[in-house]
Amino acid sequence: MKAKVDPEKCIGCGLCAQVSPEVYHMEAEVAVAAPGELMEDQLEPAKEGAEQCPVDAITIS
């Protein structure tokens, strides 16, 4: 599975990066997800970060 942040939807609030810094970080005022496939131990944090997004800019698939 991969985490993906839609840069068009992202408002740069940073909640995902605060909750799950192992998966998300901020770059140029938008969130960016770790590249590639998520490791098993990153799956739950990735979902937690996505749930915190107030504009639903993050997908896990």
PDB file of N, CA and C in Angstrom:
ATOM      1  N   MET A   1       0.834  -1.178   0.000  1.00  0.00           N
ATOM      2  CA  MET A   1       0.000   0.000   0.000  1.00  0.00           C
ATOM      3  C   MET A   1       0.880   1.244   0.000  1.00  0.00           C
ATOM      4  N   LYS A   2       0.322   2.321  -0.556  1.00  0.00           N
ATOM      5  CA  LYS A   2       1.031   3.590  -0.624  1.00  0.00           C
ATOM      6  C   LYS A   2       0.163   4.702  -0.038  1.00  0.00           C
ATOM      7  N   ALA A   3       0.812   5.708   0.511  1.00  0.00           N
ATOM      8  CA  ALA A   3       0.126   6.920   0.948  1.00  0.00           C
ATOM      9  C   ALA A   3       0.379   7.980  -0.106  1.00  0.00           C
ATOM     10  N   LYS A   4      -0.659   8.738  -0.428  1.00  0.00           N
ATOM     11  CA  LYS A   4      -0.521   9.792  -1.421  1.00  0.00           C
ATOM     12  C   LYS A   4      -1.258  11.036  -0.933  1.00  0.00           C
ATOM     13  N   VAL A   5      -0.584  12.179  -1.036  1.00  0.00           N
ATOM     14  CA  VAL A   5      -1.185  13.456  -0.680  1.00  0.00           C
ATOM     15  C   VAL A   5      -1.482  14.217  -1.963  1.00  0.00           C
ATOM     16  N   ASP A   6      -2.718  14.654  -2.118  1.00  0.00           N
ATOM     17  CA  ASP A   6      -3.100  15.456  -3.275  1.00  0.00           C
ATOM     18  C   ASP A   6      -2.686  16.901  -2.998  1.00  0.00           C
ATOM     19  N   PRO A   7      -1.666  17.413  -3.688  1.00  0.00           N
ATOM     20  CA  PRO A   7      -1.179  18.757  -3.406  1.00  0.00           C
ATOM     21  C   PRO A   7      -2.188  19.854  -3.737  1.00  0.00           C
ATOM     22  N   GLU A   8      -3.161  19.550  -4.581  1.00  0.00           N
ATOM     23  CA  GLU A   8      -4.198  20.528  -4.923  1.00  0.00           C
ATOM     24  C   GLU A   8      -5.191  20.699  -3.781  1.00  0.00           C
ATOM     25  N   LYS A   9      -5.407  19.637  -3.010  1.00  0.00           N
ATOM     26  CA  LYS A   9      -6.341  19.684  -1.882  1.00  0.00           C
ATOM     27  C   LYS A   9      -5.670  20.109  -0.581  1.00  0.00           C
ATOM     28  N   CYS A  10      -4.394  19.787  -0.422  1.00  0.00           N
ATOM     29  CA  CYS A  10      -3.682  20.028   0.825  1.00  0.00           C
ATOM     30  C   CYS A  10      -3.658  21.519   1.159  1.00  0.00           C
ATOM     31  N   ILE A  11      -4.027  21.852   2.404  1.00  0.00           N
ATOM     32  CA  ILE A  11      -4.006  23.249   2.854  1.00  0.00           C
ATOM     33  C   ILE A  11      -2.796  23.537   3.733  1.00  0.00           C
ATOM     34  N   GLY A  12      -1.944  22.546   3.929  1.00  0.00           N
ATOM     35  CA  GLY A  12      -0.704  22.747   4.673  1.00  0.00           C
ATOM     36  C   GLY A  12      -0.862  22.901   6.167  1.00  0.00           C
ATOM     37  N   CYS A  13      -1.899  22.316   6.730  1.00  0.00           N
ATOM     38  CA  CYS A  13      -2.113  22.464   8.171  1.00  0.00           C
ATOM     39  C   CYS A  13      -1.076  21.701   8.994  1.00  0.00           C
ATOM     40  N   GLY A  14      -0.509  20.640   8.439  1.00  0.00           N
ATOM     41  CA  GLY A  14       0.554  19.903   9.104  1.00  0.00           C
ATOM     42  C   GLY A  14       0.134  18.861  10.116  1.00  0.00           C
ATOM     43  N   LEU A  15      -1.155  18.625  10.270  1.00  0.00           N
ATOM     44  CA  LEU A  15      -1.613  17.626  11.249  1.00  0.00           C
ATOM     45  C   LEU A  15      -1.081  16.238  10.941  1.00  0.00           C
ATOM     46  N   CYS A  16      -1.069  15.859   9.678  1.00  0.00           N
ATOM     47  CA  CYS A  16      -0.590  14.523   9.320  1.00  0.00           C
ATOM     48  C   CYS A  16       0.874  14.349   9.725  1.00  0.00           C
ATOM     49  N   ALA A  17       1.686  15.367   9.480  1.00  0.00           N
ATOM     50  CA  ALA A  17       3.110  15.302   9.829  1.00  0.00           C
ATOM     51  C   ALA A  17       3.324  15.303  11.334  1.00  0.00           C
ATOM     52  N   GLN A  18       2.456  15.976  12.073  1.00  0.00           N
ATOM     53  CA  GLN A  18       2.557  15.976  13.533  1.00  0.00           C
ATOM     54  C   GLN A  18       2.194  14.618  14.112  1.00  0.00           C
ATOM     55  N   VAL A  19       1.139  14.010  13.578  1.00  0.00           N
ATOM     56  CA  VAL A  19       0.646  12.730  14.085  1.00  0.00           C
ATOM     57  C   VAL A  19       1.519  11.566  13.617  1.00  0.00           C
ATOM     58  N   SER A  20       1.994  11.627  12.376  1.00  0.00           N
ATOM     59  CA  SER A  20       2.728  10.512  11.771  1.00  0.00           C
ATOM     60  C   SER A  20       3.982  10.989  11.032  1.00  0.00           C
ATOM     61  N   PRO A  21       4.971  11.489  11.775  1.00  0.00           N
ATOM     62  CA  PRO A  21       6.180  11.999  11.108  1.00  0.00           C
ATOM     63  C   PRO A  21       6.988  10.931  10.385  1.00  0.00           C
ATOM     64  N   GLU A  22       6.748   9.670  10.702  1.00  0.00           N
ATOM     65  CA  GLU A  22       7.453   8.596  10.012  1.00  0.00           C
ATOM     66  C   GLU A  22       6.917   8.369   8.604  1.00  0.00           C
ATOM     67  N   VAL A  23       5.747   8.960   8.295  1.00  0.00           N
ATOM     68  CA  VAL A  23       5.139   8.782   6.976  1.00  0.00           C
ATOM     69  C   VAL A  23       5.024  10.109   6.212  1.00  0.00           C
ATOM     70  N   TYR A  24       4.702  11.196   6.928  1.00  0.00           N
ATOM     71  CA  TYR A  24       4.446  12.479   6.278  1.00  0.00           C
ATOM     72  C   TYR A  24       5.423  13.550   6.753  1.00  0.00           C
ATOM     73  N   HIS A  25       5.734  14.470   5.843  1.00  0.00           N
ATOM     74  CA  HIS A  25       6.516  15.645   6.212  1.00  0.00           C
ATOM     75  C   HIS A  25       6.032  16.823   5.367  1.00  0.00           C
ATOM     76  N   MET A  26       6.384  18.005   5.792  1.00  0.00           N
ATOM     77  CA  MET A  26       5.961  19.206   5.078  1.00  0.00           C
ATOM     78  C   MET A  26       7.067  19.667   4.139  1.00  0.00           C
ATOM     79  N   GLU A  27       6.656  20.062   2.941  1.00  0.00           N
ATOM     80  CA  GLU A  27       7.570  20.582   1.922  1.00  0.00           C
ATOM     81  C   GLU A  27       6.871  21.728   1.210  1.00  0.00           C
ATOM     82  N   ALA A  28       7.471  22.885   1.253  1.00  0.00           N
ATOM     83  CA  ALA A  28       6.906  24.049   0.558  1.00  0.00           C
ATOM     84  C   ALA A  28       5.429  24.256   0.901  1.00  0.00           C
ATOM     85  N   GLU A  29       5.102  24.167   2.170  1.00  0.00           N
ATOM     86  CA  GLU A  29       3.762  24.427   2.689  1.00  0.00           C
ATOM     87  C   GLU A  29       2.697  23.395   2.314  1.00  0.00           C
ATOM     88  N   VAL A  30       3.097  22.242   1.815  1.00  0.00           N
ATOM     89  CA  VAL A  30       2.161  21.133   1.592  1.00  0.00           C
ATOM     90  C   VAL A  30       2.776  19.854   2.160  1.00  0.00           C
ATOM     91  N   ALA A  31       1.921  18.933   2.499  1.00  0.00           N
ATOM     92  CA  ALA A  31       2.386  17.650   3.031  1.00  0.00           C
ATOM     93  C   ALA A  31       2.842  16.743   1.900  1.00  0.00           C
ATOM     94  N   VAL A  32       3.820  15.902   2.213  1.00  0.00           N
ATOM     95  CA  VAL A  32       4.333  14.917   1.275  1.00  0.00           C
ATOM     96  C   VAL A  32       4.418  13.588   2.013  1.00  0.00           C
ATOM     97  N   ALA A  33       3.980  12.527   1.350  1.00  0.00           N
ATOM     98  CA  ALA A  33       4.033  11.192   1.947  1.00  0.00           C
ATOM     99  C   ALA A  33       5.351  10.522   1.595  1.00  0.00           C
ATOM    100  N   ALA A  34       5.757   9.584   2.433  1.00  0.00           N
ATOM    101  CA  ALA A  34       6.960   8.787   2.164  1.00  0.00           C
ATOM    102  C   ALA A  34       6.784   8.098   0.810  1.00  0.00           C
ATOM    103  N   PRO A  35       7.838   8.085   0.003  1.00  0.00           N
ATOM    104  CA  PRO A  35       7.724   7.466  -1.327  1.00  0.00           C
ATOM    105  C   PRO A  35       7.661   5.941  -1.256  1.00  0.00           C
ATOM    106  N   GLY A  36       7.072   5.355  -2.255  1.00  0.00           N
ATOM    107  CA  GLY A  36       7.051   3.902  -2.371  1.00  0.00           C
ATOM    108  C   GLY A  36       6.037   3.222  -1.485  1.00  0.00           C
ATOM    109  N   GLU A  37       6.194   1.916  -1.406  1.00  0.00           N
ATOM    110  CA  GLU A  37       5.295   1.086  -0.605  1.00  0.00           C
ATOM    111  C   GLU A  37       5.523   1.336   0.880  1.00  0.00           C
ATOM    112  N   LEU A  38       4.428   1.379   1.627  1.00  0.00           N
ATOM    113  CA  LEU A  38       4.526   1.531   3.070  1.00  0.00           C
ATOM    114  C   LEU A  38       4.998   0.231   3.703  1.00  0.00           C
ATOM    115  N   MET A  39       5.864   0.358   4.671  1.00  0.00           N
ATOM    116  CA  MET A  39       6.282  -0.805   5.442  1.00  0.00           C
ATOM    117  C   MET A  39       5.121  -1.179   6.372  1.00  0.00           C
ATOM    118  N   GLU A  40       5.119  -2.405   6.837  1.00  0.00           N
ATOM    119  CA  GLU A  40       4.041  -2.879   7.705  1.00  0.00           C
ATOM    120  C   GLU A  40       3.852  -1.977   8.928  1.00  0.00           C
ATOM    121  N   ASP A  41       4.965  -1.539   9.523  1.00  0.00           N
ATOM    122  CA  ASP A  41       4.868  -0.705  10.723  1.00  0.00           C
ATOM    123  C   ASP A  41       4.480   0.745  10.412  1.00  0.00           C
ATOM    124  N   GLN A  42       4.406   1.119   9.139  1.00  0.00           N
ATOM    125  CA  GLN A  42       3.984   2.463   8.752  1.00  0.00           C
ATOM    126  C   GLN A  42       2.496   2.542   8.416  1.00  0.00           C
ATOM    127  N   LEU A  43       1.855   1.407   8.249  1.00  0.00           N
ATOM    128  CA  LEU A  43       0.473   1.381   7.794  1.00  0.00           C
ATOM    129  C   LEU A  43      -0.488   2.077   8.769  1.00  0.00           C
ATOM    130  N   GLU A  44      -0.430   1.732  10.037  1.00  0.00           N
ATOM    131  CA  GLU A  44      -1.317   2.365  11.016  1.00  0.00           C
ATOM    132  C   GLU A  44      -1.042   3.854  11.160  1.00  0.00           C
ATOM    133  N   PRO A  45       0.236   4.270  11.292  1.00  0.00           N
ATOM    134  CA  PRO A  45       0.497   5.711  11.343  1.00  0.00           C
ATOM    135  C   PRO A  45       0.031   6.443  10.082  1.00  0.00           C
ATOM    136  N   ALA A  46       0.166   5.816   8.929  1.00  0.00           N
ATOM    137  CA  ALA A  46      -0.290   6.439   7.682  1.00  0.00           C
ATOM    138  C   ALA A  46      -1.792   6.673   7.718  1.00  0.00           C
ATOM    139  N   LYS A  47      -2.529   5.684   8.201  1.00  0.00           N
ATOM    140  CA  LYS A  47      -3.983   5.819   8.316  1.00  0.00           C
ATOM    141  C   LYS A  47      -4.358   6.881   9.331  1.00  0.00           C
ATOM    142  N   GLU A  48      -3.646   6.928  10.463  1.00  0.00           N
ATOM    143  CA  GLU A  48      -3.913   7.953  11.476  1.00  0.00           C
ATOM    144  C   GLU A  48      -3.708   9.349  10.914  1.00  0.00           C
ATOM    145  N   GLY A  49      -2.608   9.542  10.186  1.00  0.00           N
ATOM    146  CA  GLY A  49      -2.337  10.832   9.573  1.00  0.00           C
ATOM    147  C   GLY A  49      -3.402  11.216   8.570  1.00  0.00           C
ATOM    148  N   ALA A  50      -3.853  10.252   7.776  1.00  0.00           N
ATOM    149  CA  ALA A  50      -4.893  10.512   6.784  1.00  0.00           C
ATOM    150  C   ALA A  50      -6.206  10.900   7.453  1.00  0.00           C
ATOM    151  N   GLU A  51      -6.530  10.253   8.557  1.00  0.00           N
ATOM    152  CA  GLU A  51      -7.767  10.562   9.276  1.00  0.00           C
ATOM    153  C   GLU A  51      -7.752  11.972   9.852  1.00  0.00           C
ATOM    154  N   GLN A  52      -6.579  12.499  10.169  1.00  0.00           N
ATOM    155  CA  GLN A  52      -6.466  13.836  10.737  1.00  0.00           C
ATOM    156  C   GLN A  52      -6.611  14.941   9.700  1.00  0.00           C
ATOM    157  N   CYS A  53      -6.473  14.613   8.423  1.00  0.00           N
ATOM    158  CA  CYS A  53      -6.528  15.621   7.371  1.00  0.00           C
ATOM    159  C   CYS A  53      -7.927  16.237   7.284  1.00  0.00           C
ATOM    160  N   PRO A  54      -8.039  17.551   7.523  1.00  0.00           N
ATOM    161  CA  PRO A  54      -9.382  18.176   7.531  1.00  0.00           C
ATOM    162  C   PRO A  54      -9.984  18.339   6.137  1.00  0.00           C
ATOM    163  N   VAL A  55      -9.193  18.166   5.085  1.00  0.00           N
ATOM    164  CA  VAL A  55      -9.724  18.325   3.724  1.00  0.00           C
ATOM    165  C   VAL A  55      -9.654  17.035   2.916  1.00  0.00           C
ATOM    166  N   ASP A  56      -9.397  15.921   3.588  1.00  0.00           N
ATOM    167  CA  ASP A  56      -9.339  14.594   2.942  1.00  0.00           C
ATOM    168  C   ASP A  56      -8.414  14.573   1.715  1.00  0.00           C
ATOM    169  N   ALA A  57      -7.223  15.135   1.886  1.00  0.00           N
ATOM    170  CA  ALA A  57      -6.254  15.198   0.783  1.00  0.00           C
ATOM    171  C   ALA A  57      -5.369  13.952   0.700  1.00  0.00           C
ATOM    172  N   ILE A  58      -5.506  13.032   1.663  1.00  0.00           N
ATOM    173  CA  ILE A  58      -4.633  11.869   1.721  1.00  0.00           C
ATOM    174  C   ILE A  58      -5.409  10.590   1.405  1.00  0.00           C
ATOM    175  N   THR A  59      -4.827   9.780   0.532  1.00  0.00           N
ATOM    176  CA  THR A  59      -5.403   8.467   0.241  1.00  0.00           C
ATOM    177  C   THR A  59      -4.369   7.394   0.547  1.00  0.00           C
ATOM    178  N   ILE A  60      -4.856   6.265   1.020  1.00  0.00           N
ATOM    179  CA  ILE A  60      -4.021   5.093   1.279  1.00  0.00           C
ATOM    180  C   ILE A  60      -4.588   3.986   0.388  1.00  0.00           C
ATOM    181  N   SER A  61      -3.745   3.507  -0.521  1.00  0.00           N
ATOM    182  CA  SER A  61      -4.230   2.424  -1.392  1.00  0.00           C
ATOM    183  C   SER A  61      -3.065   1.582  -1.865  1.00  0.00           C
TER     184      SER A  61
END
